[in-house]
Amino acid sequence: MGTTVKAVLVLGTAVDPRGFDREAKAFDHDFPPTMRFDPRTGRELWMTESGLDDASDDSLEVVSTGDEDAPHYLGTVLSRTPYGEMAVSLRITPEALAEETEKVRTRLVRFGVQDPDVRLWTVIAWS
């Protein structure tokens, strides 16, 4: 199994993925959040899950370099180019780019990003 590398053009904002983490039940139970372990089995009652998984509900994509500690990019993917292939020319008018930027900004705010700084990002992503 090899590594897949691609260049991704994202219209969106850089976010700290840990800023969207939330605590969720590790399994179905009725214990309060103050309890950390099941008194009968010793299993952890709670786990941390990423709220970024919900981004697709708002028509947003999450692009990561593959490094968990690096920023992730949240927005609309305008193009993806696999490593070793020629990049496709993307033609967009300034008006269309401004319109798409406002659409992305609105979706980011609805998702919970406060005052998003929407930019064009070129991300080298691997998986």
C-alpha atoms as a PDB file:
ATOM      1  CA  MET A   1       0.000   0.000   0.000  1.00  0.00           C
ATOM      2  CA  GLY A   2       1.525   3.294  -1.106  1.00  0.00           C
ATOM      3  CA  THR A   3       1.147   6.942  -0.319  1.00  0.00           C
ATOM      4  CA  THR A   4      -1.146   9.131  -2.389  1.00  0.00           C
ATOM      5  CA  VAL A   5      -0.027  12.736  -2.836  1.00  0.00           C
ATOM      6  CA  LYS A   6      -2.094  15.465  -4.461  1.00  0.00           C
ATOM      7  CA  ALA A   7      -2.293  19.236  -4.730  1.00  0.00           C
ATOM      8  CA  VAL A   8      -5.653  20.606  -3.637  1.00  0.00           C
ATOM      9  CA  LEU A   9      -6.926  24.140  -4.256  1.00  0.00           C
ATOM     10  CA  VAL A  10      -9.287  25.118  -1.424  1.00  0.00           C
ATOM     11  CA  LEU A  11     -11.410  28.239  -1.126  1.00  0.00           C
ATOM     12  CA  GLY A  12     -11.884  28.459   2.616  1.00  0.00           C
ATOM     13  CA  THR A  13     -10.121  28.990   5.911  1.00  0.00           C
ATOM     14  CA  ALA A  14      -7.433  27.283   7.974  1.00  0.00           C
ATOM     15  CA  VAL A  15      -8.685  25.800  11.247  1.00  0.00           C
ATOM     16  CA  ASP A  16      -7.222  23.973  14.222  1.00  0.00           C
ATOM     17  CA  PRO A  17      -8.939  20.574  14.056  1.00  0.00           C
ATOM     18  CA  ARG A  18      -8.823  20.219  17.848  1.00  0.00           C
ATOM     19  CA  GLY A  19     -10.983  23.335  18.148  1.00  0.00           C
ATOM     20  CA  PHE A  20     -13.945  21.289  16.916  1.00  0.00           C
ATOM     21  CA  ASP A  21     -13.432  18.267  19.185  1.00  0.00           C
ATOM     22  CA  ARG A  22     -16.298  17.251  21.430  1.00  0.00           C
ATOM     23  CA  GLU A  23     -16.893  14.625  24.047  1.00  0.00           C
ATOM     24  CA  ALA A  24     -19.285  11.809  23.114  1.00  0.00           C
ATOM     25  CA  LYS A  25     -20.455   8.595  24.721  1.00  0.00           C
ATOM     26  CA  ALA A  26     -18.044   5.732  24.034  1.00  0.00           C
ATOM     27  CA  PHE A  27     -21.030   3.349  24.152  1.00  0.00           C
ATOM     28  CA  ASP A  28     -24.699   3.539  25.110  1.00  0.00           C
ATOM     29  CA  HIS A  29     -25.015   4.318  28.846  1.00  0.00           C
ATOM     30  CA  ASP A  30     -26.857   6.549  31.316  1.00  0.00           C
ATOM     31  CA  PHE A  31     -23.919   7.749  33.432  1.00  0.00           C
ATOM     32  CA  PRO A  32     -23.446  11.495  34.022  1.00  0.00           C
ATOM     33  CA  PRO A  33     -20.564  13.367  32.339  1.00  0.00           C
ATOM     34  CA  THR A  34     -18.790  13.652  35.695  1.00  0.00           C
ATOM     35  CA  MET A  35     -18.123   9.885  35.716  1.00  0.00           C
ATOM     36  CA  ARG A  36     -15.135   8.828  33.610  1.00  0.00           C
ATOM     37  CA  PHE A  37     -15.256   5.004  33.893  1.00  0.00           C
ATOM     38  CA  ASP A  38     -17.960   2.334  34.064  1.00  0.00           C
ATOM     39  CA  PRO A  39     -17.924   1.109  37.705  1.00  0.00           C
ATOM     40  CA  ARG A  40     -18.767  -2.462  36.616  1.00  0.00           C
ATOM     41  CA  THR A  41     -16.347  -2.945  33.713  1.00  0.00           C
ATOM     42  CA  GLY A  42     -13.758  -0.198  34.044  1.00  0.00           C
ATOM     43  CA  ARG A  43     -14.342   0.894  30.422  1.00  0.00           C
ATOM     44  CA  GLU A  44     -14.021   4.575  29.577  1.00  0.00           C
ATOM     45  CA  LEU A  45     -17.470   6.140  29.334  1.00  0.00           C
ATOM     46  CA  TRP A  46     -16.505   9.033  27.067  1.00  0.00           C
ATOM     47  CA  MET A  47     -14.410   9.546  23.961  1.00  0.00           C
ATOM     48  CA  THR A  48     -13.319  12.566  21.952  1.00  0.00           C
ATOM     49  CA  GLU A  49     -14.643  12.853  18.431  1.00  0.00           C
ATOM     50  CA  SER A  50     -14.010  15.470  15.799  1.00  0.00           C
ATOM     51  CA  GLY A  51     -16.773  17.908  15.028  1.00  0.00           C
ATOM     52  CA  LEU A  52     -15.136  18.433  11.641  1.00  0.00           C
ATOM     53  CA  ASP A  53     -16.784  15.168  10.588  1.00  0.00           C
ATOM     54  CA  ASP A  54     -20.045  17.157  10.413  1.00  0.00           C
ATOM     55  CA  ALA A  55     -18.641  19.665   7.902  1.00  0.00           C
ATOM     56  CA  SER A  56     -20.075  17.769   4.941  1.00  0.00           C
ATOM     57  CA  ASP A  57     -23.551  18.497   6.353  1.00  0.00           C
ATOM     58  CA  ASP A  58     -22.923  22.142   5.446  1.00  0.00           C
ATOM     59  CA  SER A  59     -21.458  21.396   1.999  1.00  0.00           C
ATOM     60  CA  LEU A  60     -17.941  21.995   3.298  1.00  0.00           C
ATOM     61  CA  GLU A  61     -14.919  19.782   2.769  1.00  0.00           C
ATOM     62  CA  VAL A  62     -12.048  19.234   5.162  1.00  0.00           C
ATOM     63  CA  VAL A  63      -8.594  19.011   3.579  1.00  0.00           C
ATOM     64  CA  SER A  64      -5.628  17.911   5.654  1.00  0.00           C
ATOM     65  CA  THR A  65      -1.957  17.584   4.812  1.00  0.00           C
ATOM     66  CA  GLY A  66      -2.040  14.293   6.706  1.00  0.00           C
ATOM     67  CA  ASP A  67      -0.321  15.805   9.759  1.00  0.00           C
ATOM     68  CA  GLU A  68      -2.721  15.789  12.730  1.00  0.00           C
ATOM     69  CA  ASP A  69      -0.916  18.768  14.323  1.00  0.00           C
ATOM     70  CA  ALA A  70      -1.057  20.975  11.212  1.00  0.00           C
ATOM     71  CA  PRO A  71      -3.993  23.208  10.352  1.00  0.00           C
ATOM     72  CA  HIS A  72      -6.813  21.682   8.349  1.00  0.00           C
ATOM     73  CA  TYR A  73      -8.529  23.614   5.581  1.00  0.00           C
ATOM     74  CA  LEU A  74     -12.301  23.924   5.610  1.00  0.00           C
ATOM     75  CA  GLY A  75     -14.203  25.154   2.572  1.00  0.00           C
ATOM     76  CA  THR A  76     -14.906  24.304  -1.058  1.00  0.00           C
ATOM     77  CA  VAL A  77     -12.399  22.311  -3.107  1.00  0.00           C
ATOM     78  CA  LEU A  78     -11.922  23.974  -6.487  1.00  0.00           C
ATOM     79  CA  SER A  79      -9.482  21.415  -7.922  1.00  0.00           C
ATOM     80  CA  ARG A  80      -7.446  18.311  -7.065  1.00  0.00           C
ATOM     81  CA  THR A  81      -4.363  17.300  -8.999  1.00  0.00           C
ATOM     82  CA  PRO A  82      -2.687  13.947  -8.298  1.00  0.00           C
ATOM     83  CA  TYR A  83       1.105  14.007  -7.969  1.00  0.00           C
ATOM     84  CA  GLY A  84       2.862  13.716 -11.324  1.00  0.00           C
ATOM     85  CA  GLU A  85      -0.060  14.992 -13.402  1.00  0.00           C
ATOM     86  CA  MET A  86      -0.345  18.371 -15.069  1.00  0.00           C
ATOM     87  CA  ALA A  87      -2.491  20.823 -13.160  1.00  0.00           C
ATOM     88  CA  VAL A  88      -5.771  21.735 -14.784  1.00  0.00           C
ATOM     89  CA  SER A  89      -6.213  25.411 -15.551  1.00  0.00           C
ATOM     90  CA  LEU A  90      -8.977  26.887 -13.434  1.00  0.00           C
ATOM     91  CA  ARG A  91     -10.676  29.884 -14.980  1.00  0.00           C
ATOM     92  CA  ILE A  92     -12.907  31.938 -12.753  1.00  0.00           C
ATOM     93  CA  THR A  93     -13.881  35.574 -13.041  1.00  0.00           C
ATOM     94  CA  PRO A  94     -13.285  37.933 -10.121  1.00  0.00           C
ATOM     95  CA  GLU A  95     -17.058  38.333  -9.794  1.00  0.00           C
ATOM     96  CA  ALA A  96     -17.653  34.566  -9.649  1.00  0.00           C
ATOM     97  CA  LEU A  97     -14.809  34.185  -7.124  1.00  0.00           C
ATOM     98  CA  ALA A  98     -16.299  36.938  -4.930  1.00  0.00           C
ATOM     99  CA  GLU A  99     -19.726  35.290  -5.120  1.00  0.00           C
ATOM    100  CA  GLU A 100     -18.326  31.853  -4.228  1.00  0.00           C
ATOM    101  CA  THR A 101     -16.281  33.402  -1.394  1.00  0.00           C
ATOM    102  CA  GLU A 102     -19.466  34.821   0.163  1.00  0.00           C
ATOM    103  CA  LYS A 103     -21.231  31.443  -0.155  1.00  0.00           C
ATOM    104  CA  VAL A 104     -18.307  29.704   1.569  1.00  0.00           C
ATOM    105  CA  ARG A 105     -18.144  32.397   4.283  1.00  0.00           C
ATOM    106  CA  THR A 106     -21.881  31.935   4.984  1.00  0.00           C
ATOM    107  CA  ARG A 107     -21.503  28.132   5.274  1.00  0.00           C
ATOM    108  CA  LEU A 108     -18.452  28.510   7.542  1.00  0.00           C
ATOM    109  CA  VAL A 109     -20.310  30.864   9.899  1.00  0.00           C
ATOM    110  CA  ARG A 110     -23.311  28.508   9.965  1.00  0.00           C
ATOM    111  CA  PHE A 111     -20.902  25.666  10.815  1.00  0.00           C
ATOM    112  CA  GLY A 112     -19.495  27.667  13.738  1.00  0.00           C
ATOM    113  CA  VAL A 113     -16.334  29.354  12.451  1.00  0.00           C
ATOM    114  CA  GLN A 114     -16.294  32.866  13.904  1.00  0.00           C
ATOM    115  CA  ASP A 115     -15.318  35.619  11.426  1.00  0.00           C
ATOM    116  CA  PRO A 116     -13.736  33.261   8.856  1.00  0.00           C
ATOM    117  CA  ASP A 117     -10.774  34.567   6.854  1.00  0.00           C
ATOM    118  CA  VAL A 118     -11.672  33.030   3.473  1.00  0.00           C
ATOM    119  CA  ARG A 119      -8.717  32.681   1.107  1.00  0.00           C
ATOM    120  CA  LEU A 120      -7.437  30.490  -1.688  1.00  0.00           C
ATOM    121  CA  TRP A 121      -5.134  27.796  -0.275  1.00  0.00           C
ATOM    122  CA  THR A 122      -2.954  25.335  -2.160  1.00  0.00           C
ATOM    123  CA  VAL A 123      -2.515  22.299   0.059  1.00  0.00           C
ATOM    124  CA  ILE A 124      -0.175  19.378  -0.582  1.00  0.00           C
ATOM    125  CA  ALA A 125      -2.155  16.506   0.906  1.00  0.00           C
ATOM    126  CA  TRP A 126      -1.111  12.912   1.372  1.00  0.00           C
ATOM    127  CA  SER A 127      -2.857   9.820   2.571  1.00  0.00           C
END
